[in-house]
Amino acid sequence: MSPSYDVIVIGLGGMGSAAAHHLSARGARVLGLEKFGPVHSRGSSHGGSRITRQSYFEDPAYVPLLLRAYELYADLERATGRDIAVLCGGVMVGPPGSRTVAGALRSARQWDLPHEMLDAREIRRRFPTLAPHDDEVALYEAKAGLVRPENMVAAHLQLATRQGADLHFEEPMVRWEPYRDGVRVHTAENSYTAARLVVCPGAWAPRLLAGLGVPFTIERQVMYWFRPRGGTERFRPAHHPVYIWEDAAGIQVYGFPAIDGPAAGAKVAFFRKGRVTTPETIDRTVHEDEIQAMAEHMSRCVPDLPGSFVKAATCMYSNTPDEHFVIARHPAHPESVTVACGFSGHGFKFVPVVGEILADLALTGATAHPIGLFDPARLAAAPA
């Protein structure tokens, strides 16, 4: 007889590890299945840092979720002793009418979030590492900063294991099917049954959730680390904020302070300037022309940053057409299957609260969190 659980979670990256924690914390018998090892670097939950912020330019509807995520960062740190969030402050920089600046200001005003508007002279005075054009401005948010993706995944896995969850690594799901009043999941090693299934497939969403009817695209993203000219001291979190910077052409870059010692450099990347790929065909080699393009772009706004190249790494964005998430009960299997996918390059900061939402949906069928924006019906022509 196949082992039986209350909930099976597919994928134990950011969202799946958080779901396993929140489900097991509520007393559910949880099985987690992961294609790779724990805290791996093959998907979208690695790279040492992810920006977190509350003045959210993508849509003000995200702000209540961010407020809860911040509370859960602190809970994770207390429960595990791990370094989860570094709230060093952040700036959203660009022309006043840019999406990055105007959108962040809209959210800040709508939700009465503490913030300051800085002109170019004030940006340069407060943050001498940054060199905005005279016609650029910034929204400064003291509560912005970064979260540590590997630490957050490890913390959620640690707590889930402590709470009795069975976590199986190197055991990918082959297929799942409705079974009696729940589901049956097959791997190469075994089959398992459960009353509920939570699917957090990351970049594997186009294959594992083809029946959802959402046209996902997977984008190869490159993260770069440079050792600044003159050393990293001026780029430490006490002096150098996280930033998202949109130029007059609409190209966005994002960057971080130096957080891992003088030799590690500071991280920067283009936002949404990758190419379409798949998890099976992604080019994991970062090429010299890519490094040069990144260095040249940064030399115009953070002149000392591209002093010398340290390293680069790839990850994957799982994009929806409107760049908003998919978090919902599966329209074709609403009683038994919950999905979380399409986090489109800006989802990691939400990991703890998404785990809470997934536990709500799997165990009770509803959540008090505002997730109407993430209904897949907005994107699917018809449920498959």
Protein backbone atom coordinates (compact mmCIF):
# COMPACT_ATOMS: atom_id res chain seq x y z
CA MET A 1 0.00 0.00 0.00
CA SER A 2 1.36 3.44 -0.92
CA PRO A 3 2.11 5.80 1.97
CA SER A 4 -0.67 8.29 2.67
CA TYR A 5 -0.48 11.91 3.85
CA ASP A 6 -2.74 14.86 4.45
CA VAL A 7 -0.83 17.04 1.97
CA ILE A 8 1.90 16.39 -0.59
CA VAL A 9 4.02 19.38 -1.62
CA ILE A 10 5.75 19.25 -5.00
CA GLY A 11 8.91 21.34 -5.12
CA LEU A 12 10.87 22.40 -2.03
CA GLY A 13 12.41 25.64 -3.23
CA GLY A 14 11.22 28.96 -1.86
CA MET A 15 7.45 28.54 -2.00
CA GLY A 16 7.35 24.78 -1.46
CA SER A 17 9.63 24.83 1.58
CA ALA A 18 7.46 27.57 3.13
CA ALA A 19 4.30 25.60 2.39
CA ALA A 20 5.79 22.47 3.99
CA HIS A 21 6.62 24.49 7.11
CA HIS A 22 3.24 26.17 7.49
CA LEU A 23 1.30 22.99 6.76
CA SER A 24 3.28 20.88 9.22
CA ALA A 25 3.10 23.64 11.84
CA ARG A 26 -0.69 23.24 11.73
CA GLY A 27 -0.44 19.53 12.39
CA ALA A 28 -0.84 18.24 8.83
CA ARG A 29 0.98 15.06 7.82
CA VAL A 30 3.17 16.44 5.03
CA LEU A 31 5.28 14.83 2.32
CA GLY A 32 7.60 17.11 0.36
CA LEU A 33 9.09 15.94 -2.94
CA GLU A 34 12.04 17.72 -4.54
CA LYS A 35 13.79 16.99 -7.84
CA PHE A 36 17.19 18.13 -6.55
CA GLY A 37 18.93 18.26 -3.19
CA PRO A 38 18.02 20.68 -0.38
CA VAL A 39 18.74 24.38 -0.99
CA HIS A 40 19.91 23.78 -4.55
CA SER A 41 21.01 26.25 -7.22
CA ARG A 42 19.19 24.84 -10.25
CA GLY A 43 16.02 26.92 -10.06
CA SER A 44 15.16 30.38 -8.71
CA SER A 45 15.90 30.27 -4.96
CA HIS A 46 19.62 30.98 -4.84
CA GLY A 47 22.14 33.74 -5.45
CA GLY A 48 22.83 34.98 -1.93
CA SER A 49 20.38 37.89 -1.89
CA ARG A 50 16.98 39.09 -3.09
CA ILE A 51 15.62 42.62 -2.73
CA THR A 52 12.71 43.16 -0.38
CA ARG A 53 10.66 46.37 -0.31
CA GLN A 54 7.20 47.57 0.60
CA SER A 55 6.64 50.58 -1.72
CA TYR A 56 5.80 48.17 -4.48
CA PHE A 57 5.85 49.62 -7.98
CA GLU A 58 4.29 46.52 -9.55
CA ASP A 59 0.88 47.08 -7.89
CA PRO A 60 -0.33 48.42 -4.52
CA ALA A 61 -2.30 45.18 -4.08
CA TYR A 62 0.94 43.46 -3.03
CA VAL A 63 1.55 45.69 -0.02
CA PRO A 64 -0.59 43.84 2.58
CA LEU A 65 1.25 40.63 1.71
CA LEU A 66 4.59 42.37 2.13
CA LEU A 67 3.63 43.70 5.54
CA ARG A 68 2.87 40.15 6.64
CA ALA A 69 6.04 38.78 5.01
CA TYR A 70 8.14 41.18 7.09
CA GLU A 71 6.53 39.84 10.25
CA LEU A 72 7.32 36.30 9.15
CA TYR A 73 10.98 37.16 8.41
CA ALA A 74 11.35 38.03 12.08
CA ASP A 75 9.54 34.86 13.15
CA LEU A 76 11.91 32.74 11.04
CA GLU A 77 14.97 34.40 12.51
CA ARG A 78 13.73 33.84 16.06
CA ALA A 79 12.78 30.22 15.39
CA THR A 80 15.97 29.16 13.62
CA GLY A 81 18.70 31.66 14.50
CA ARG A 82 19.40 32.15 10.81
CA ASP A 83 20.12 35.49 9.13
CA ILE A 84 17.03 36.10 6.98
CA ALA A 85 16.62 39.84 6.32
CA VAL A 86 19.02 42.80 6.20
CA LEU A 87 16.94 46.00 6.12
CA CYS A 88 19.64 48.39 4.95
CA GLY A 89 17.30 50.77 3.10
CA GLY A 90 16.65 51.02 -0.60
CA VAL A 91 16.12 53.49 -3.42
CA MET A 92 13.88 53.24 -6.47
CA VAL A 93 15.67 55.48 -8.99
CA GLY A 94 14.70 56.87 -12.36
CA PRO A 95 12.87 59.66 -14.16
CA PRO A 96 9.94 60.94 -12.07
CA GLY A 97 7.38 59.39 -14.42
CA SER A 98 9.08 56.01 -14.70
CA ARG A 99 7.25 52.89 -13.57
CA THR A 100 9.90 52.26 -10.93
CA VAL A 101 9.56 55.65 -9.25
CA ALA A 102 5.93 56.57 -9.95
CA GLY A 103 4.68 53.07 -9.15
CA ALA A 104 6.60 52.92 -5.86
CA LEU A 105 5.27 56.36 -4.89
CA ARG A 106 1.71 55.26 -5.68
CA SER A 107 1.97 52.29 -3.32
CA ALA A 108 3.68 54.31 -0.60
CA ARG A 109 0.95 56.95 -0.66
CA GLN A 110 -1.94 54.49 -0.91
CA TRP A 111 -0.74 52.49 2.10
CA ASP A 112 0.80 55.40 4.03
CA LEU A 113 4.24 53.78 4.01
CA PRO A 114 7.17 55.76 5.40
CA HIS A 115 9.25 57.08 2.51
CA GLU A 116 11.21 60.07 1.23
CA MET A 117 11.53 61.55 -2.23
CA LEU A 118 15.10 62.53 -3.10
CA ASP A 119 16.35 64.65 -5.99
CA ALA A 120 19.60 63.80 -7.74
CA ARG A 121 21.70 66.05 -5.54
CA GLU A 122 20.31 64.48 -2.36
CA ILE A 123 20.81 60.95 -3.72
CA ARG A 124 24.47 61.74 -4.38
CA ARG A 125 24.89 63.32 -0.94
CA ARG A 126 23.39 60.42 0.99
CA PHE A 127 24.76 57.65 -1.17
CA PRO A 128 28.06 58.74 -2.75
CA THR A 129 28.41 55.41 -4.55
CA LEU A 130 25.41 56.34 -6.75
CA ALA A 131 25.63 58.79 -9.65
CA PRO A 132 22.15 59.72 -10.90
CA HIS A 133 21.59 62.10 -13.78
CA ASP A 134 20.36 65.55 -12.78
CA ASP A 135 16.84 64.74 -14.01
CA GLU A 136 16.57 61.51 -12.00
CA VAL A 137 14.91 61.16 -8.61
CA ALA A 138 14.49 58.37 -6.07
CA LEU A 139 11.98 57.08 -3.60
CA TYR A 140 13.91 56.10 -0.49
CA GLU A 141 12.45 53.46 1.80
CA ALA A 142 14.25 52.77 5.07
CA LYS A 143 12.53 49.39 5.46
CA ALA A 144 13.77 48.09 2.12
CA GLY A 145 16.71 45.73 2.06
CA LEU A 146 17.51 42.17 1.17
CA VAL A 147 16.61 38.64 2.16
CA ARG A 148 18.91 35.64 2.04
CA PRO A 149 17.28 33.03 -0.22
CA GLU A 150 19.37 30.03 0.75
CA ASN A 151 18.95 30.80 4.45
CA MET A 152 15.22 31.23 4.07
CA VAL A 153 14.76 27.93 2.26
CA ALA A 154 16.99 26.17 4.78
CA ALA A 155 15.02 27.70 7.67
CA HIS A 156 11.69 26.53 6.29
CA LEU A 157 13.06 23.03 5.65
CA GLN A 158 14.53 22.95 9.16
CA LEU A 159 11.22 23.87 10.75
CA ALA A 160 9.20 21.51 8.54
CA THR A 161 11.47 18.61 9.52
CA ARG A 162 11.29 19.59 13.18
CA GLN A 163 7.48 19.55 12.91
CA GLY A 164 7.40 16.05 11.47
CA ALA A 165 7.25 16.58 7.70
CA ASP A 166 8.75 13.87 5.49
CA LEU A 167 11.02 15.61 2.97
CA HIS A 168 12.33 13.52 0.08
CA PHE A 169 15.12 14.99 -2.01
CA GLU A 170 16.37 13.70 -5.36
CA GLU A 171 12.89 12.22 -5.83
CA PRO A 172 11.01 14.16 -8.53
CA MET A 173 7.35 13.68 -9.22
CA VAL A 174 6.69 11.78 -12.45
CA ARG A 175 2.94 12.38 -12.55
CA TRP A 176 -0.10 12.85 -10.36
CA GLU A 177 -3.73 11.87 -10.77
CA PRO A 178 -7.03 12.23 -8.93
CA TYR A 179 -7.52 9.33 -6.53
CA ARG A 180 -10.68 8.72 -4.51
CA ASP A 181 -11.25 11.99 -2.61
CA GLY A 182 -7.70 13.23 -3.12
CA VAL A 183 -4.65 12.61 -5.26
CA ARG A 184 -2.03 9.99 -5.98
CA VAL A 185 1.51 11.07 -6.81
CA HIS A 186 3.98 8.84 -8.60
CA THR A 187 7.77 9.07 -8.50
CA ALA A 188 10.32 6.64 -9.91
CA GLU A 189 10.70 5.16 -6.41
CA ASN A 190 7.15 4.98 -5.12
CA SER A 191 3.60 6.26 -5.23
CA TYR A 192 1.89 8.26 -2.49
CA THR A 193 -1.66 9.31 -1.75
CA ALA A 194 -2.93 12.41 0.01
CA ALA A 195 -6.11 14.35 0.53
CA ARG A 196 -4.49 17.48 -0.91
CA LEU A 197 -1.69 18.40 -3.31
CA VAL A 198 0.29 21.67 -3.38
CA VAL A 199 2.31 22.24 -6.55
CA CYS A 200 5.18 24.77 -6.42
CA PRO A 201 7.01 23.94 -9.66
CA GLY A 202 9.06 27.09 -10.29
CA ALA A 203 10.49 27.01 -13.80
CA TRP A 204 8.97 23.58 -14.36
CA ALA A 205 5.45 25.09 -14.39
CA PRO A 206 4.97 24.88 -18.18
CA ARG A 207 5.31 21.09 -17.99
CA LEU A 208 3.88 20.23 -14.58
CA LEU A 209 0.94 22.62 -14.83
CA ALA A 210 0.18 22.51 -18.54
CA GLY A 211 -3.48 21.87 -17.73
CA LEU A 212 -3.73 25.19 -15.91
CA GLY A 213 -4.00 26.98 -19.24
CA VAL A 214 -1.55 29.76 -18.32
CA PRO A 215 1.03 30.70 -21.00
CA PHE A 216 4.16 30.72 -18.84
CA THR A 217 7.53 31.67 -20.29
CA ILE A 218 10.84 30.84 -18.63
CA GLU A 219 13.58 33.46 -18.81
CA ARG A 220 17.29 32.95 -18.25
CA GLN A 221 18.52 35.52 -15.76
CA VAL A 222 22.16 36.30 -14.94
CA MET A 223 23.44 37.66 -11.62
CA TYR A 224 26.87 39.33 -11.51
CA TRP A 225 29.28 40.15 -8.70
CA PHE A 226 31.91 42.87 -9.13
CA ARG A 227 34.64 44.01 -6.75
CA PRO A 228 34.29 47.81 -6.69
CA ARG A 229 37.19 50.06 -7.51
CA GLY A 230 38.66 51.17 -4.19
CA GLY A 231 37.33 48.13 -2.31
CA THR A 232 34.00 47.19 -0.77
CA GLU A 233 33.98 49.32 2.37
CA ARG A 234 31.89 52.11 0.80
CA PHE A 235 29.54 49.43 -0.54
CA ARG A 236 28.75 47.89 2.82
CA PRO A 237 25.08 47.96 3.97
CA ALA A 238 25.72 50.91 6.29
CA HIS A 239 26.59 53.11 3.29
CA HIS A 240 25.17 51.56 0.11
CA PRO A 241 21.46 50.70 -0.27
CA VAL A 242 19.69 48.14 -2.38
CA TYR A 243 18.39 49.78 -5.53
CA ILE A 244 16.24 49.33 -8.58
CA TRP A 245 17.24 51.81 -11.27
CA GLU A 246 15.26 52.52 -14.42
CA ASP A 247 16.86 54.61 -17.15
CA ALA A 248 15.16 56.84 -19.72
CA ALA A 249 14.86 53.89 -22.11
CA GLY A 250 12.99 51.83 -19.51
CA ILE A 251 15.87 49.42 -18.82
CA GLN A 252 15.98 48.38 -15.17
CA VAL A 253 18.93 47.13 -13.16
CA TYR A 254 18.97 46.15 -9.51
CA GLY A 255 21.79 45.86 -7.05
CA PHE A 256 22.90 45.17 -3.50
CA PRO A 257 25.49 46.20 -0.96
CA ALA A 258 28.57 44.04 -0.42
CA ILE A 259 27.40 41.56 2.21
CA ASP A 260 29.81 38.63 2.05
CA GLY A 261 33.21 40.13 2.72
CA PRO A 262 35.77 42.09 0.69
CA ALA A 263 36.55 39.29 -1.76
CA ALA A 264 32.94 38.58 -2.72
CA GLY A 265 32.10 41.93 -4.28
CA ALA A 266 28.66 43.46 -4.75
CA LYS A 267 25.86 41.90 -6.78
CA VAL A 268 23.97 43.50 -9.67
CA ALA A 269 21.75 42.31 -12.52
CA PHE A 270 19.50 43.46 -15.31
CA PHE A 271 15.80 43.10 -14.53
CA ARG A 272 13.89 41.37 -17.35
CA LYS A 273 16.60 41.39 -19.95
CA GLY A 274 17.05 37.65 -20.32
CA ARG A 275 16.16 35.24 -23.08
CA VAL A 276 13.52 32.53 -23.21
CA THR A 277 14.75 29.11 -22.16
CA THR A 278 13.67 25.91 -20.43
CA PRO A 279 15.08 24.19 -17.35
CA GLU A 280 16.49 21.50 -19.62
CA THR A 281 18.14 23.83 -22.17
CA ILE A 282 19.26 26.83 -20.11
CA ASP A 283 22.78 28.01 -20.89
CA ARG A 284 24.55 28.01 -17.53
CA THR A 285 27.67 29.61 -18.99
CA VAL A 286 27.91 33.38 -18.56
CA HIS A 287 29.67 34.83 -21.58
CA GLU A 288 32.22 37.62 -21.80
CA ASP A 289 29.95 39.90 -23.84
CA GLU A 290 27.27 39.61 -21.12
CA ILE A 291 29.76 40.57 -18.41
CA GLN A 292 30.94 43.52 -20.48
CA ALA A 293 27.40 44.76 -21.14
CA MET A 294 26.62 44.65 -17.43
CA ALA A 295 29.83 46.47 -16.52
CA GLU A 296 29.27 49.18 -19.12
CA HIS A 297 25.71 49.82 -17.97
CA MET A 298 26.71 50.04 -14.30
CA SER A 299 29.62 52.38 -15.02
CA ARG A 300 27.05 55.05 -15.92
CA CYS A 301 25.12 54.92 -12.63
CA VAL A 302 27.41 53.28 -10.05
CA PRO A 303 30.79 54.25 -11.51
CA ASP A 304 33.05 52.42 -9.08
CA LEU A 305 31.11 49.17 -9.08
CA PRO A 306 32.52 47.39 -12.14
CA GLY A 307 36.06 47.60 -10.89
CA SER A 308 36.77 43.92 -11.50
CA PHE A 309 34.57 40.95 -12.26
CA VAL A 310 34.31 38.31 -9.51
CA LYS A 311 31.73 35.77 -10.66
CA ALA A 312 28.31 35.26 -12.22
CA ALA A 313 25.48 32.77 -11.87
CA THR A 314 22.28 31.98 -13.71
CA CYS A 315 18.76 31.46 -12.45
CA MET A 316 15.31 31.38 -14.04
CA TYR A 317 12.33 33.70 -14.01
CA SER A 318 8.95 32.00 -14.43
CA ASN A 319 6.92 34.71 -16.16
CA THR A 320 3.22 35.21 -16.68
CA PRO A 321 2.02 37.57 -19.44
CA ASP A 322 1.08 40.31 -16.94
CA GLU A 323 4.02 39.60 -14.58
CA HIS A 324 1.68 38.86 -11.66
CA PHE A 325 1.69 35.61 -9.70
CA VAL A 326 -0.55 32.57 -9.89
CA ILE A 327 -1.72 31.45 -6.44
CA ALA A 328 -5.01 29.57 -6.40
CA ARG A 329 -6.84 26.31 -6.13
CA HIS A 330 -6.52 24.51 -9.46
CA PRO A 331 -9.66 25.33 -11.50
CA ALA A 332 -9.94 21.77 -12.78
CA HIS A 333 -9.31 20.20 -9.34
CA PRO A 334 -10.45 22.85 -6.84
CA GLU A 335 -11.08 20.47 -3.95
CA SER A 336 -7.70 18.77 -3.98
CA VAL A 337 -4.99 20.78 -5.76
CA THR A 338 -3.46 24.19 -4.96
CA VAL A 339 -0.87 25.86 -7.18
CA ALA A 340 1.75 28.58 -6.69
CA CYS A 341 3.77 29.58 -9.73
CA GLY A 342 4.64 32.34 -12.20
CA PHE A 343 6.52 34.51 -9.71
CA SER A 344 8.03 36.47 -12.59
CA GLY A 345 11.30 37.56 -11.04
CA HIS A 346 9.84 39.47 -8.10
CA GLY A 347 8.39 36.74 -5.91
CA PHE A 348 11.03 35.63 -3.46
CA LYS A 349 10.38 38.37 -0.89
CA PHE A 350 6.87 36.90 -0.51
CA VAL A 351 8.01 33.35 0.26
CA PRO A 352 6.93 33.18 3.94
CA VAL A 353 3.47 34.65 3.36
CA VAL A 354 2.90 32.52 0.26
CA GLY A 355 3.62 29.48 2.42
CA GLU A 356 0.97 30.69 4.84
CA ILE A 357 -1.52 31.24 2.00
CA LEU A 358 -0.89 27.79 0.54
CA ALA A 359 -1.50 26.20 3.92
CA ASP A 360 -4.78 28.12 4.16
CA LEU A 361 -5.94 27.06 0.70
CA ALA A 362 -4.91 23.42 1.08
CA LEU A 363 -6.43 22.91 4.52
CA THR A 364 -9.50 25.15 4.45
CA GLY A 365 -10.04 26.08 0.81
CA ALA A 366 -9.79 29.83 1.46
CA THR A 367 -7.47 32.48 2.83
CA ALA A 368 -7.95 35.85 4.47
CA HIS A 369 -4.98 37.21 2.52
CA PRO A 370 -5.87 39.29 -0.57
CA ILE A 371 -4.98 37.08 -3.55
CA GLY A 372 -7.61 38.06 -6.11
CA LEU A 373 -4.92 39.49 -8.38
CA PHE A 374 -3.35 36.03 -8.68
CA ASP A 375 -6.35 34.08 -10.02
CA PRO A 376 -5.24 32.10 -13.13
CA ALA A 377 -8.63 32.73 -14.70
CA ARG A 378 -7.35 36.15 -15.73
CA LEU A 379 -4.86 34.47 -18.09
CA ALA A 380 -6.42 31.14 -19.10
CA ALA A 381 -8.83 30.99 -22.01
CA ALA A 382 -10.54 28.06 -20.33
CA PRO A 383 -9.57 25.56 -17.66
CA ALA A 384 -8.16 22.34 -19.09
